[in-house]
Amino acid sequence: MITSPEIAWIVPVIIPAIMGLLVGLIVKRSIKLMFTIVALVVLLVLIGLVSLTFQDVLDQALKFLPRIINTGSGLIDVLPYSATTFLIGLGLGLWRG
């Protein structure tokens, strides 16, 4: 497919913006889900249906956090986080998502 030079500049501008918008939406919804799960766990602990200690939570965090960090470090090379349009799309996704 051949495009004219007048519109060829749009692709490198629009693609990072769309990626930023999608990442912003995913991050915002993930944070909402995380807060909902934490609120549910706190409620279950207060009611007495679940017993958690600080040591249990710390052990599980130390078990899963290295895997999460390794996954995230691989993904950071894929995102064009230095592009202005990506940052604008990310901001819009976080704000309006």
Protein backbone atom coordinates (compact mmCIF):
# COMPACT_ATOMS: atom_id res chain seq x y z
CA MET A 1 0.00 0.00 0.00
CA ILE A 2 1.44 3.33 -1.04
CA THR A 3 0.52 6.42 0.90
CA SER A 4 1.13 10.01 0.03
CA PRO A 5 3.72 11.98 2.00
CA GLU A 6 1.04 14.39 3.13
CA ILE A 7 -0.59 11.77 5.34
CA ALA A 8 2.41 9.50 6.02
CA TRP A 9 3.40 11.55 9.10
CA ILE A 10 0.09 10.68 10.78
CA VAL A 11 0.98 7.02 11.40
CA PRO A 12 3.92 7.63 13.78
CA VAL A 13 1.80 10.20 15.62
CA ILE A 14 -1.46 8.27 15.93
CA ILE A 15 -0.13 4.78 16.79
CA PRO A 16 1.66 5.83 20.03
CA ALA A 17 -1.38 7.89 21.04
CA ILE A 18 -3.68 4.90 20.62
CA MET A 19 -1.22 2.68 22.51
CA GLY A 20 -1.07 5.24 25.34
CA LEU A 21 -4.85 5.45 25.49
CA LEU A 22 -5.17 1.67 25.73
CA VAL A 23 -2.44 1.40 28.38
CA GLY A 24 -4.12 4.17 30.37
CA LEU A 25 -7.46 2.37 30.24
CA ILE A 26 -5.88 -0.91 31.32
CA VAL A 27 -3.98 0.71 34.20
CA LYS A 28 -7.02 2.60 35.46
CA ARG A 29 -9.25 -0.47 35.41
CA SER A 30 -6.52 -2.58 37.02
CA ILE A 31 -6.18 -0.08 39.86
CA LYS A 32 -9.96 -0.06 40.37
CA LEU A 33 -9.98 -3.86 40.47
CA MET A 34 -7.07 -3.92 42.92
CA PHE A 35 -8.84 -1.51 45.31
CA THR A 36 -12.02 -3.57 45.09
CA ILE A 37 -10.17 -6.79 45.94
CA VAL A 38 -8.35 -5.12 48.84
CA ALA A 39 -11.64 -3.76 50.19
CA LEU A 40 -13.20 -7.23 49.95
CA VAL A 41 -10.28 -8.85 51.76
CA VAL A 42 -10.35 -6.19 54.49
CA LEU A 43 -14.09 -6.73 54.92
CA LEU A 44 -13.61 -10.51 55.17
CA VAL A 45 -10.86 -10.04 57.76
CA LEU A 46 -13.01 -7.65 59.80
CA ILE A 47 -15.94 -10.06 59.75
CA GLY A 48 -13.64 -12.90 60.77
CA LEU A 49 -14.12 -15.19 57.79
CA VAL A 50 -10.45 -14.91 56.80
CA SER A 51 -7.50 -14.66 59.12
CA LEU A 52 -4.42 -12.97 57.73
CA THR A 53 -1.26 -11.98 59.46
CA PHE A 54 1.27 -9.48 58.29
CA GLN A 55 3.81 -12.28 57.91
CA ASP A 56 1.45 -14.24 55.60
CA VAL A 57 0.96 -11.21 53.37
CA LEU A 58 4.69 -10.46 53.33
CA ASP A 59 5.57 -14.06 52.40
CA GLN A 60 3.11 -14.07 49.51
CA ALA A 61 4.31 -10.67 48.30
CA LEU A 62 7.93 -11.82 48.29
CA LYS A 63 6.85 -14.91 46.38
CA PHE A 64 4.97 -13.13 43.58
CA LEU A 65 6.64 -9.72 43.23
CA PRO A 66 9.81 -10.95 41.46
CA ARG A 67 7.69 -12.60 38.76
CA ILE A 68 5.60 -9.45 38.31
CA ILE A 69 8.73 -7.29 38.06
CA ASN A 70 10.29 -9.60 35.46
CA THR A 71 7.13 -9.49 33.38
CA GLY A 72 6.92 -5.70 33.57
CA SER A 73 10.59 -5.16 32.70
CA GLY A 74 10.10 -7.05 29.45
CA LEU A 75 7.08 -4.98 28.51
CA ILE A 76 8.70 -1.61 29.14
CA ASP A 77 10.91 -2.04 26.08
CA VAL A 78 7.84 -2.46 23.88
CA LEU A 79 6.02 0.75 24.85
CA PRO A 80 7.05 4.08 23.31
CA TYR A 81 6.95 5.82 26.70
CA SER A 82 9.19 8.66 25.53
CA ALA A 83 6.82 9.75 22.74
CA THR A 84 4.78 12.82 23.55
CA THR A 85 1.69 11.42 21.86
CA PHE A 86 1.97 8.25 23.95
CA LEU A 87 2.06 10.33 27.13
CA ILE A 88 -0.93 12.36 25.96
CA GLY A 89 -2.86 9.16 25.17
CA LEU A 90 -1.83 7.69 28.54
CA GLY A 91 -3.08 10.79 30.34
CA LEU A 92 -6.38 10.70 28.48
CA GLY A 93 -6.78 7.00 29.20
CA LEU A 94 -6.16 7.51 32.91
CA TRP A 95 -8.36 10.60 33.11
CA ARG A 96 -11.35 9.66 30.95
CA GLY A 97 -11.10 5.84 31.06
